[in-house]
Amino acid sequence: MNTMRRNPEGIAEAIRKAHTVALVSHVNPDGDTIGGVLAMRLILEKLHKEVTLFCDGKVPDSISILPGAELFRVPEGTEGPFDLLLSIDVSDENRMGRSAALKKNSRTTAQIDHHDTNPLFMDINSVDGTAPAVCLLIREQMKVLGVPLNRDIAACLYTGLSTDTGNFAYASTTKECFEVMSELMDTGFDLSEMNRILFRVKPRAQIRLLGRALDSLQFRGNGKIAVMTLTRKDFEECGALSEHADTIVNYGLDTIGTEMCMLAREAAEGTVKFSLRAKEPMCVNDIALFFGGGGHPQASGITMAGPLDEAAAKVLAEMEKKMEA
């Protein structure tokens, strides 16, 4: 594993030298990558940079209310040239999706990330695998750049910080999270409304999909592993989107007695997507890495070839093996 460290000064130097900047989120975007990119857009525009946003995937409806969310473009790979390509919350090059093609059209590449599996794949890397959310690093970055907080930036940073810490409930939550939250609240952004949209309001299709997932719930490994599956038919009959499954895995982990959980769902072109979760001291990122995925110790993901039952059996076998060790 490469040595990882925050490097806001290196990122700041690259930003100061650049005029055109491409900001990139990861595929299957969540609140931290979208919130981080949108906050960085506002920061860079304060510095009079020309900014273009790229996301290989749909911005989830729950975070599409953030300022600038409509500006994301699906990359074709021919855009550019750019003085700087800056990825936010992207754990490896594969997680850039089609945005990876933009690297060849960029004079300098850089990243800000918080995954401890990150292989440091850019020219300039500011990576802290112990940080609970990339938006903490964005807050630090804007201080180095000398850009003050405002309500819009605060809303973006809150989105990333709250969603990646489970609304400040995960074990990864640190004192720094609350110090930054204090600064964000000083801007007067609507915390109550943002919290309601991010964590309380759910479309009917998502509730129906949750019912399907709970119907599939099984317990393995002497009840310590919760397993759920969703088929394409489940999504179609519920009228649900891929993003509606993003938090369902947590219901398995919230069950008394479980230490690890898995949600396996059929995705496009015969692939299966896995969401893995664990309670400390158990971890799942090593299992994810074994199958070509990655993430955090207690929250990781995998995409692998199907069919669903065979792929799920392979991942479950590794989880059971680890539970027995």
Protein backbone atom coordinates (compact mmCIF):
# COMPACT_ATOMS: atom_id res chain seq x y z
CA MET A 1 0.00 0.00 0.00
CA ASN A 2 1.30 3.41 -0.94
CA THR A 3 1.77 6.01 1.75
CA MET A 4 -1.23 8.33 1.68
CA ARG A 5 -1.43 11.82 3.01
CA ARG A 6 -3.42 14.97 2.61
CA ASN A 7 -1.75 17.32 0.18
CA PRO A 8 -3.94 20.44 -0.07
CA GLU A 9 -0.91 22.60 -0.90
CA GLY A 10 -0.08 20.47 -3.95
CA ILE A 11 -3.69 20.58 -5.13
CA ALA A 12 -3.81 24.35 -4.54
CA GLU A 13 -0.68 24.90 -6.63
CA ALA A 14 -2.17 22.91 -9.52
CA ILE A 15 -5.41 24.88 -9.28
CA ARG A 16 -3.63 28.23 -9.27
CA LYS A 17 -1.73 27.30 -12.44
CA ALA A 18 -4.86 26.11 -14.25
CA HIS A 19 -7.50 28.06 -16.15
CA THR A 20 -9.67 25.22 -17.48
CA VAL A 21 -10.57 22.52 -14.95
CA ALA A 22 -12.51 19.27 -15.38
CA LEU A 23 -14.09 18.02 -12.16
CA VAL A 24 -14.95 14.32 -12.08
CA SER A 25 -17.14 12.25 -9.76
CA HIS A 26 -17.18 8.48 -9.45
CA VAL A 27 -19.63 6.17 -11.21
CA ASN A 28 -22.87 5.34 -9.38
CA PRO A 29 -22.51 8.73 -7.66
CA ASP A 30 -23.46 9.34 -4.04
CA GLY A 31 -23.75 12.39 -1.81
CA ASP A 32 -20.06 12.67 -1.01
CA THR A 33 -18.75 12.66 -4.57
CA ILE A 34 -21.52 14.93 -5.91
CA GLY A 35 -21.43 17.25 -2.91
CA GLY A 36 -17.64 17.42 -3.14
CA VAL A 37 -17.60 18.18 -6.86
CA LEU A 38 -20.31 20.84 -6.57
CA ALA A 39 -18.58 22.50 -3.62
CA MET A 40 -15.31 22.51 -5.56
CA ARG A 41 -17.07 24.04 -8.57
CA LEU A 42 -18.22 26.97 -6.45
CA ILE A 43 -14.74 27.33 -4.96
CA LEU A 44 -13.04 27.31 -8.36
CA GLU A 45 -15.49 29.80 -9.82
CA LYS A 46 -14.63 32.15 -6.96
CA LEU A 47 -11.06 31.85 -8.27
CA HIS A 48 -12.26 32.69 -11.82
CA LYS A 49 -11.59 29.23 -13.25
CA GLU A 50 -13.46 27.76 -16.21
CA VAL A 51 -15.02 24.58 -14.80
CA THR A 52 -16.71 21.59 -16.46
CA LEU A 53 -18.39 18.82 -14.44
CA PHE A 54 -18.40 15.15 -15.48
CA CYS A 55 -20.26 12.17 -14.08
CA ASP A 56 -20.58 8.78 -15.75
CA GLY A 57 -24.02 8.16 -14.34
CA LYS A 58 -27.20 9.85 -13.15
CA VAL A 59 -27.14 12.23 -10.19
CA PRO A 60 -29.56 10.77 -7.61
CA ASP A 61 -32.82 12.68 -7.31
CA SER A 62 -32.31 13.25 -3.57
CA ILE A 63 -29.20 15.34 -4.19
CA SER A 64 -30.21 16.93 -7.49
CA ILE A 65 -31.43 19.96 -5.52
CA LEU A 66 -27.84 21.04 -4.84
CA PRO A 67 -26.69 24.19 -6.66
CA GLY A 68 -25.11 23.24 -9.99
CA ALA A 69 -26.31 19.61 -10.04
CA GLU A 70 -27.84 20.18 -13.48
CA LEU A 71 -24.40 21.06 -14.91
CA PHE A 72 -23.00 17.51 -14.89
CA ARG A 73 -22.19 16.08 -18.32
CA VAL A 74 -21.85 12.43 -19.27
CA PRO A 75 -18.31 12.20 -20.68
CA GLU A 76 -17.74 11.22 -24.29
CA GLY A 77 -13.95 11.14 -23.85
CA THR A 78 -13.25 13.75 -26.51
CA GLU A 79 -13.75 16.83 -24.35
CA GLY A 80 -10.88 19.16 -23.61
CA PRO A 81 -8.11 19.93 -23.57
CA PHE A 82 -8.05 20.85 -19.87
CA ASP A 83 -5.28 22.39 -17.83
CA LEU A 84 -6.32 20.27 -14.85
CA LEU A 85 -8.44 17.18 -14.30
CA LEU A 86 -9.45 16.86 -10.65
CA SER A 87 -11.34 13.80 -9.41
CA ILE A 88 -13.28 13.92 -6.15
CA ASP A 89 -13.96 10.82 -4.02
CA VAL A 90 -12.74 8.41 -6.74
CA SER A 91 -10.97 5.39 -5.23
CA ASP A 92 -9.29 4.16 -8.44
CA GLU A 93 -9.24 4.86 -12.17
CA ASN A 94 -11.95 2.29 -12.93
CA ARG A 95 -14.33 4.24 -10.70
CA MET A 96 -14.01 7.18 -13.07
CA GLY A 97 -15.90 5.20 -15.70
CA ARG A 98 -15.88 6.92 -19.08
CA SER A 99 -14.34 10.01 -17.45
CA ALA A 100 -11.00 8.17 -17.38
CA ALA A 101 -10.63 8.98 -21.08
CA LEU A 102 -10.33 12.66 -20.13
CA LYS A 103 -6.91 12.03 -18.59
CA LYS A 104 -5.24 11.99 -22.00
CA ASN A 105 -6.69 15.45 -22.74
CA SER A 106 -5.51 17.00 -19.47
CA ARG A 107 -2.15 18.65 -18.86
CA THR A 108 -2.16 17.78 -15.15
CA THR A 109 -4.24 15.24 -13.21
CA ALA A 110 -5.03 15.37 -9.51
CA GLN A 111 -7.38 13.87 -6.96
CA ILE A 112 -8.87 14.43 -3.53
CA ASP A 113 -10.04 11.18 -1.94
CA HIS A 114 -10.53 9.33 1.34
CA HIS A 115 -10.39 5.62 0.42
CA ASP A 116 -7.57 3.65 2.04
CA THR A 117 -7.44 1.34 -1.00
CA ASN A 118 -6.58 4.24 -3.34
CA PRO A 119 -3.53 3.37 -5.50
CA LEU A 120 -2.60 7.08 -6.01
CA PHE A 121 -3.32 7.04 -9.74
CA MET A 122 -3.06 10.77 -10.49
CA ASP A 123 -0.08 13.12 -10.90
CA ILE A 124 -0.97 14.89 -7.64
CA ASN A 125 -2.72 12.96 -4.88
CA SER A 126 -4.36 14.31 -1.73
CA VAL A 127 -5.68 11.14 -0.09
CA ASP A 128 -6.50 10.46 3.54
CA GLY A 129 -7.90 6.97 4.09
CA THR A 130 -8.83 7.82 7.68
CA ALA A 131 -11.11 10.74 6.76
CA PRO A 132 -14.80 9.81 7.09
CA ALA A 133 -15.83 11.90 4.05
CA VAL A 134 -14.10 13.59 1.15
CA CYS A 135 -16.03 16.77 1.93
CA LEU A 136 -13.87 17.19 5.05
CA LEU A 137 -10.87 17.39 2.74
CA ILE A 138 -12.69 19.87 0.49
CA ARG A 139 -13.27 22.12 3.50
CA GLU A 140 -9.56 21.98 4.28
CA GLN A 141 -8.75 22.64 0.62
CA MET A 142 -10.82 25.80 0.45
CA LYS A 143 -9.03 27.18 3.49
CA VAL A 144 -5.69 26.68 1.75
CA LEU A 145 -7.10 28.39 -1.34
CA GLY A 146 -8.41 31.28 0.75
CA VAL A 147 -12.04 30.93 -0.34
CA PRO A 148 -14.65 31.70 2.36
CA LEU A 149 -17.70 29.57 3.10
CA ASN A 150 -21.16 30.57 1.94
CA ARG A 151 -24.58 28.94 2.17
CA ASP A 152 -24.37 27.12 -1.17
CA ILE A 153 -20.96 25.64 -0.46
CA ALA A 154 -22.13 24.67 3.02
CA ALA A 155 -25.15 22.80 1.60
CA CYS A 156 -22.87 20.83 -0.73
CA LEU A 157 -20.35 19.99 1.98
CA TYR A 158 -23.11 19.00 4.43
CA THR A 159 -24.53 16.60 1.86
CA GLY A 160 -21.25 14.75 1.52
CA LEU A 161 -20.34 14.84 5.18
CA SER A 162 -23.73 13.63 6.42
CA THR A 163 -24.33 10.92 3.83
CA ASP A 164 -20.89 9.32 4.16
CA THR A 165 -21.12 9.18 7.95
CA GLY A 166 -24.67 7.79 8.04
CA ASN A 167 -25.93 11.13 9.33
CA PHE A 168 -23.08 11.13 11.87
CA ALA A 169 -23.93 7.63 13.16
CA TYR A 170 -21.05 5.55 11.73
CA ALA A 171 -17.99 4.65 13.79
CA SER A 172 -15.90 6.66 11.31
CA THR A 173 -17.45 9.92 12.57
CA THR A 174 -14.77 12.10 14.16
CA LYS A 175 -14.46 15.29 16.17
CA GLU A 176 -13.39 17.02 12.94
CA CYS A 177 -16.83 16.26 11.46
CA PHE A 178 -18.57 18.29 14.14
CA GLU A 179 -16.00 21.09 13.99
CA VAL A 180 -16.72 21.45 10.27
CA MET A 181 -20.47 21.17 10.87
CA SER A 182 -20.23 24.10 13.28
CA GLU A 183 -18.59 26.16 10.54
CA LEU A 184 -21.24 25.11 8.00
CA MET A 185 -24.11 26.04 10.30
CA ASP A 186 -22.66 29.50 10.79
CA THR A 187 -23.54 30.21 7.14
CA GLY A 188 -27.26 29.82 7.89
CA PHE A 189 -27.95 27.10 5.32
CA ASP A 190 -31.25 25.23 5.87
CA LEU A 191 -30.04 22.22 7.86
CA SER A 192 -33.54 20.97 8.74
CA GLU A 193 -34.79 20.96 5.15
CA MET A 194 -31.59 19.39 3.81
CA ASN A 195 -31.77 16.65 6.44
CA ARG A 196 -35.40 15.96 5.57
CA ILE A 197 -34.65 15.61 1.86
CA LEU A 198 -31.54 13.48 2.31
CA PHE A 199 -32.73 11.12 5.02
CA ARG A 200 -36.52 11.19 5.43
CA VAL A 201 -38.24 11.68 2.09
CA LYS A 202 -38.42 8.54 -0.10
CA PRO A 203 -40.29 7.89 -3.35
CA ARG A 204 -42.92 5.15 -3.39
CA ALA A 205 -40.83 3.06 -5.79
CA GLN A 206 -38.01 2.97 -3.25
CA ILE A 207 -40.34 1.79 -0.48
CA ARG A 208 -41.69 -0.95 -2.75
CA LEU A 209 -38.14 -2.03 -3.63
CA LEU A 210 -37.24 -2.14 0.06
CA GLY A 211 -40.13 -4.54 0.58
CA ARG A 212 -38.77 -6.84 -2.12
CA ALA A 213 -35.30 -6.77 -0.58
CA LEU A 214 -36.63 -7.54 2.91
CA ASP A 215 -38.66 -10.43 1.49
CA SER A 216 -35.38 -11.92 0.22
CA LEU A 217 -33.57 -11.47 3.55
CA GLN A 218 -31.70 -14.55 4.77
CA PHE A 219 -29.21 -15.09 7.58
CA ARG A 220 -26.07 -17.16 7.20
CA GLY A 221 -22.96 -17.78 9.25
CA ASN A 222 -24.86 -18.62 12.44
CA GLY A 223 -27.01 -15.54 11.94
CA LYS A 224 -24.07 -13.16 11.71
CA ILE A 225 -24.34 -12.47 7.97
CA ALA A 226 -27.46 -10.87 6.44
CA VAL A 227 -28.01 -11.45 2.72
CA MET A 228 -30.48 -9.70 0.40
CA THR A 229 -30.93 -9.91 -3.37
CA LEU A 230 -32.80 -7.88 -5.97
CA THR A 231 -33.50 -8.94 -9.55
CA ARG A 232 -34.10 -6.78 -12.61
CA LYS A 233 -37.71 -7.91 -12.38
CA ASP A 234 -37.92 -6.46 -8.87
CA PHE A 235 -36.75 -3.07 -10.16
CA GLU A 236 -39.11 -3.16 -13.14
CA GLU A 237 -42.20 -4.18 -11.17
CA CYS A 238 -41.51 -1.56 -8.49
CA GLY A 239 -40.76 1.14 -11.05
CA ALA A 240 -37.47 1.67 -9.19
CA LEU A 241 -34.11 3.08 -10.28
CA SER A 242 -30.66 1.83 -9.36
CA GLU A 243 -30.21 4.72 -6.91
CA HIS A 244 -33.24 3.52 -4.93
CA ALA A 245 -31.23 0.51 -3.73
CA ASP A 246 -28.29 2.50 -2.39
CA THR A 247 -29.19 2.46 1.32
CA ILE A 248 -31.19 -0.78 1.51
CA VAL A 249 -28.15 -2.81 2.57
CA ASN A 250 -28.12 -0.99 5.92
CA TYR A 251 -31.33 -2.73 6.98
CA GLY A 252 -29.44 -6.01 7.07
CA LEU A 253 -26.69 -4.57 9.20
CA ASP A 254 -29.21 -3.03 11.61
CA THR A 255 -30.58 -6.47 12.48
CA ILE A 256 -29.59 -7.65 15.97
CA GLY A 257 -26.85 -10.26 15.84
CA THR A 258 -25.48 -9.45 12.37
CA GLU A 259 -21.85 -8.48 11.89
CA MET A 260 -21.72 -8.33 8.08
CA CYS A 261 -24.34 -7.90 5.38
CA MET A 262 -24.60 -8.05 1.62
CA LEU A 263 -27.05 -6.71 -0.96
CA ALA A 264 -26.62 -8.26 -4.42
CA ARG A 265 -28.61 -6.77 -7.28
CA GLU A 266 -28.80 -7.46 -10.98
CA ALA A 267 -27.50 -4.56 -13.03
CA ALA A 268 -27.00 -3.80 -16.70
CA GLU A 269 -25.47 -6.15 -19.25
CA GLY A 270 -25.45 -9.25 -17.06
CA THR A 271 -23.48 -7.74 -14.20
CA VAL A 272 -24.21 -7.95 -10.48
CA LYS A 273 -23.56 -5.08 -8.09
CA PHE A 274 -22.79 -5.76 -4.44
CA SER A 275 -23.05 -3.47 -1.45
CA LEU A 276 -21.14 -4.85 1.53
CA ARG A 277 -21.31 -3.54 5.10
CA ALA A 278 -19.75 -4.58 8.41
CA LYS A 279 -19.74 -3.64 12.07
CA GLU A 280 -16.37 -3.00 13.67
CA PRO A 281 -14.05 -4.81 14.17
CA MET A 282 -15.16 -6.77 11.09
CA CYS A 283 -14.30 -5.31 7.69
CA VAL A 284 -15.36 -6.01 4.11
CA ASN A 285 -12.98 -4.01 1.92
CA ASP A 286 -10.58 -6.97 1.71
CA ILE A 287 -13.42 -9.11 0.36
CA ALA A 288 -14.30 -6.39 -2.13
CA LEU A 289 -10.67 -6.15 -3.28
CA PHE A 290 -10.56 -9.93 -3.77
CA PHE A 291 -13.34 -9.59 -6.36
CA GLY A 292 -11.95 -6.45 -8.00
CA GLY A 293 -13.97 -3.94 -5.99
CA GLY A 294 -13.01 -1.60 -3.19
CA GLY A 295 -14.13 0.93 -0.64
CA HIS A 296 -13.89 1.44 3.09
CA PRO A 297 -13.34 -1.17 5.84
CA GLN A 298 -17.01 -1.13 6.87
CA ALA A 299 -18.58 -0.11 3.53
CA SER A 300 -17.45 -1.47 0.17
CA GLY A 301 -18.76 -2.41 -3.25
CA ILE A 302 -18.18 -4.89 -6.06
CA THR A 303 -19.32 -5.21 -9.66
CA MET A 304 -18.86 -8.64 -11.23
CA ALA A 305 -20.30 -10.87 -13.94
CA GLY A 306 -23.54 -12.72 -13.25
CA PRO A 307 -25.75 -14.62 -13.04
CA LEU A 308 -27.05 -13.26 -9.76
CA ASP A 309 -27.25 -16.50 -7.77
CA GLU A 310 -23.77 -17.69 -8.77
CA ALA A 311 -22.13 -14.32 -8.10
CA ALA A 312 -23.88 -13.97 -4.74
CA ALA A 313 -22.79 -17.47 -3.72
CA LYS A 314 -19.14 -16.62 -4.46
CA VAL A 315 -19.16 -13.45 -2.36
CA LEU A 316 -21.12 -15.10 0.44
CA ALA A 317 -18.57 -17.93 0.57
CA GLU A 318 -15.78 -15.43 1.21
CA MET A 319 -17.84 -13.69 3.89
CA GLU A 320 -18.53 -17.01 5.63
CA LYS A 321 -14.87 -17.98 5.38
CA LYS A 322 -13.88 -14.72 7.04
CA MET A 323 -16.51 -15.12 9.74
CA GLU A 324 -15.14 -18.58 10.57
CA ALA A 325 -11.49 -17.46 10.69
